[in-house]
Protein backbone atom coordinates (compact mmCIF):
# COMPACT_ATOMS: atom_id res chain seq x y z
CA MET A 1 0.00 0.00 0.00
CA LYS A 2 1.30 3.43 -0.96
CA LYS A 3 2.27 5.69 1.93
CA LEU A 4 0.25 8.88 2.12
CA GLY A 5 1.99 12.16 1.39
CA VAL A 6 2.05 15.09 3.79
CA LYS A 7 -1.08 16.75 2.40
CA GLU A 8 -3.06 13.51 2.41
CA ARG A 9 -1.96 12.70 5.99
CA ILE A 10 -3.08 16.13 7.16
CA ILE A 11 -6.47 15.71 5.48
CA ALA A 12 -6.90 12.17 6.83
CA ALA A 13 -6.02 13.22 10.39
CA ALA A 14 -8.23 16.30 10.23
CA SER A 15 -11.09 14.28 8.73
CA HIS A 16 -11.11 11.91 11.67
CA LEU A 17 -10.67 14.64 14.28
CA PHE A 18 -13.18 17.12 12.81
CA TYR A 19 -15.80 14.40 12.38
CA PHE A 20 -15.45 12.67 15.74
CA ASP A 21 -14.13 15.45 18.01
CA GLY A 22 -15.57 18.57 16.37
CA TYR A 23 -14.09 21.52 14.54
CA ASN A 24 -13.66 23.85 17.52
CA GLN A 25 -12.27 21.07 19.70
CA THR A 26 -9.57 20.23 17.14
CA GLY A 27 -6.54 22.49 17.07
CA ILE A 28 -3.80 22.63 14.48
CA ASN A 29 -1.31 21.00 16.87
CA LYS A 30 -3.63 18.04 17.41
CA ILE A 31 -3.96 17.57 13.63
CA LEU A 32 -0.21 17.82 13.14
CA LYS A 33 0.49 15.32 15.91
CA GLU A 34 -1.98 12.78 14.52
CA ALA A 35 -0.69 13.30 10.97
CA ASP A 36 2.93 13.21 12.15
CA VAL A 37 3.67 16.39 10.20
CA SER A 38 5.57 19.57 11.11
CA LYS A 39 3.93 22.98 11.10
CA ASP A 40 6.29 24.09 8.32
CA SER A 41 5.19 21.16 6.18
CA MET A 42 1.54 21.95 6.84
CA TYR A 43 1.97 25.56 5.70
CA ARG A 44 3.22 24.36 2.32
CA TYR A 45 -0.30 23.06 1.67
CA PHE A 46 -2.67 24.93 3.98
CA ARG A 47 -2.74 28.49 5.25
CA SER A 48 -5.20 27.83 8.09
CA LYS A 49 -7.32 25.31 9.92
CA GLU A 50 -10.23 26.58 7.84
CA ASP A 51 -8.39 25.61 4.64
CA ILE A 52 -7.79 22.14 6.08
CA ALA A 53 -11.51 21.88 6.87
CA VAL A 54 -12.41 22.85 3.31
CA ALA A 55 -10.09 20.12 1.98
CA TYR A 56 -11.66 17.64 4.44
CA LEU A 57 -15.17 18.52 3.26
CA LEU A 58 -14.20 18.24 -0.42
CA VAL A 59 -12.73 14.78 0.12
CA ARG A 60 -15.69 13.76 2.29
CA HIS A 61 -18.11 14.97 -0.38
CA SER A 62 -16.43 12.96 -3.10
CA ILE A 63 -16.31 9.79 -1.01
CA TRP A 64 -19.85 10.14 0.36
CA MET A 65 -21.48 10.82 -3.01
CA GLY A 66 -19.46 8.01 -4.60
CA LYS A 67 -20.58 5.52 -1.96
CA LEU A 68 -24.18 6.67 -2.32
CA GLU A 69 -24.03 6.26 -6.09
CA ASN A 70 -22.43 2.80 -5.79
CA HIS A 71 -25.05 1.71 -3.28
CA VAL A 72 -28.03 2.65 -5.46
CA THR A 73 -26.60 1.70 -8.89
CA PRO A 74 -28.05 -1.86 -8.88
CA GLU A 75 -31.60 -0.48 -8.70
CA LYS A 76 -33.50 -0.53 -12.01
CA THR A 77 -35.52 2.69 -11.68
CA ASN A 78 -34.67 6.14 -10.41
CA LYS A 79 -37.47 5.98 -7.85
CA LYS A 80 -35.96 2.77 -6.46
CA LYS A 81 -32.55 4.47 -6.38
CA ILE A 82 -33.98 7.27 -4.28
CA ILE A 83 -35.63 4.78 -1.93
CA ALA A 84 -32.37 2.78 -1.75
CA SER A 85 -30.56 5.96 -0.68
CA PHE A 86 -32.25 5.53 2.71
CA ASP A 87 -30.68 2.07 2.99
CA TYR A 88 -27.32 3.70 2.31
CA LEU A 89 -28.01 6.27 5.05
CA ASN A 90 -28.93 3.50 7.46
CA ASP A 91 -25.75 1.51 6.71
CA TRP A 92 -23.54 4.59 6.92
CA LEU A 93 -25.05 5.90 10.16
CA LYS A 94 -24.68 2.51 11.83
CA GLU A 95 -21.06 2.33 10.63
CA VAL A 96 -20.24 5.68 12.29
CA LYS A 97 -22.27 4.82 15.39
CA PHE A 98 -24.85 7.48 14.56
CA ARG A 99 -22.31 10.33 14.65
CA GLY A 100 -24.35 12.02 11.95
CA CYS A 101 -23.60 14.27 9.04
CA GLY A 102 -20.12 15.77 8.83
CA TRP A 103 -21.52 18.89 7.16
CA GLN A 104 -24.31 19.36 9.71
CA ASN A 105 -21.84 18.74 12.54
CA ILE A 106 -19.24 21.22 11.35
CA LEU A 107 -21.85 23.92 10.72
CA THR A 108 -23.14 23.71 14.29
CA ASP A 109 -19.55 24.05 15.54
CA LEU A 110 -18.50 26.87 13.23
CA PRO A 111 -17.50 30.44 14.05
CA GLN A 112 -19.51 33.05 12.13
CA ASP A 113 -16.66 34.20 9.89
CA HIS A 114 -15.79 30.81 8.36
CA HIS A 115 -17.58 31.32 5.05
CA LYS A 116 -15.41 28.91 3.04
CA ILE A 117 -16.50 26.01 5.23
CA ARG A 118 -20.14 27.07 5.16
CA ASP A 119 -19.94 27.29 1.36
CA GLN A 120 -18.64 23.70 1.17
CA ALA A 121 -21.51 22.44 3.33
CA ILE A 122 -24.03 24.25 1.14
CA LEU A 123 -22.34 22.88 -1.99
CA HIS A 124 -22.65 19.30 -0.69
CA LYS A 125 -26.29 19.67 0.34
CA ASN A 126 -27.18 21.35 -2.96
CA GLU A 127 -25.46 18.61 -4.97
CA LEU A 128 -27.39 15.92 -3.09
CA ARG A 129 -30.58 17.90 -3.71
CA GLU A 130 -29.79 18.18 -7.43
CA TRP A 131 -28.99 14.46 -7.59
CA ILE A 132 -32.50 13.70 -6.34
CA HIS A 133 -34.09 16.31 -8.62
CA ASN A 134 -32.30 14.88 -11.66
CA LEU A 135 -33.34 11.31 -10.87
CA LEU A 136 -36.96 12.43 -10.67
CA ILE A 137 -36.75 14.57 -13.83
CA GLU A 138 -35.33 11.56 -15.72
CA GLU A 139 -38.37 9.52 -14.68
CA GLU A 140 -40.38 11.60 -17.18
CA GLN A 141 -43.42 11.11 -14.97
CA TYR A 142 -43.07 14.60 -13.53
CA SER A 143 -42.67 18.07 -14.90
CA THR A 144 -39.44 19.77 -13.91
CA LYS A 145 -41.35 21.83 -11.35
CA GLU A 146 -43.05 18.74 -9.88
CA ALA A 147 -39.75 16.84 -9.77
CA ARG A 148 -38.06 19.69 -7.93
CA GLU A 149 -40.90 20.06 -5.40
CA LEU A 150 -41.03 16.31 -4.80
CA GLY A 151 -37.23 16.18 -4.58
CA ASP A 152 -37.26 18.93 -1.96
CA GLU A 153 -39.73 16.93 0.13
CA ILE A 154 -37.41 13.93 -0.08
CA ILE A 155 -34.29 15.93 0.82
CA VAL A 156 -36.10 17.17 3.94
CA LEU A 157 -36.87 13.54 4.81
CA ILE A 158 -33.20 12.63 4.32
CA GLU A 159 -31.77 15.52 6.32
CA GLY A 160 -34.33 15.14 9.09
CA ALA A 161 -33.65 11.41 9.32
CA ILE A 162 -29.91 11.99 9.59
CA ILE A 163 -30.11 14.54 12.39
CA LEU A 164 -32.81 12.66 14.32
CA SER A 165 -30.83 9.41 14.05
CA GLN A 166 -27.84 11.24 15.49
CA ILE A 167 -29.92 12.58 18.37
CA GLN A 168 -31.64 9.26 19.05
CA LYS A 169 -28.56 7.08 18.32
CA ASP A 170 -30.94 4.77 16.50
CA ALA A 171 -31.98 3.77 12.98
CA TRP A 172 -35.73 4.26 13.38
CA PRO A 173 -35.74 7.81 11.91
CA VAL A 174 -34.14 6.59 8.66
CA ILE A 175 -36.50 3.60 8.48
CA THR A 176 -39.47 5.90 9.07
CA ALA A 177 -38.25 8.44 6.50
CA LYS A 178 -37.83 5.65 3.95
CA ARG A 179 -41.47 4.59 4.48
CA ALA A 180 -42.56 8.21 4.05
CA CYS A 181 -40.46 8.46 0.86
CA VAL A 182 -42.13 5.34 -0.55
CA ARG A 183 -45.52 6.94 0.13
CA VAL A 184 -44.51 10.25 -1.44
CA LEU A 185 -43.19 8.53 -4.56
CA SER A 186 -46.26 6.31 -4.96
CA LYS A 187 -48.66 9.26 -5.33
């Protein structure tokens, strides 16, 4: 297995720390210690902790969306792909012991002036929203307006299920949201 470079080690260490410990609770020195990297080396790649967080969110976005896509690919219809996305959520949330959404978590822990991080969270949520919209538009059963409205209802089910599962430390919110999604899509 190839050894990670300095930049990748910083992102990997920060990813774990930001997700499990929180953004405000994770200082640069803690990241550097876990990554086994000097401060000078870090500054070759990142100017601030905020820049490291942006890199973490970009990597997380790519991995998360890729895993979602892989999970739903076997489904034959776009509606079934959307429904299967709740199974992905359930598997993922169990895997991380219901720690919840990295983007939701970092936003609740974020100082007001960290716009680059906030922008990355919005980008991720908007891309997930567009993914759902596009699947529904491709169904050709809905007008673009109907697909977008229906997609927005589903994204609210997804986001609500994630945060409530984190609060409850249980899968029932995702299971319930999936049932609601099936009902919404069967109308």
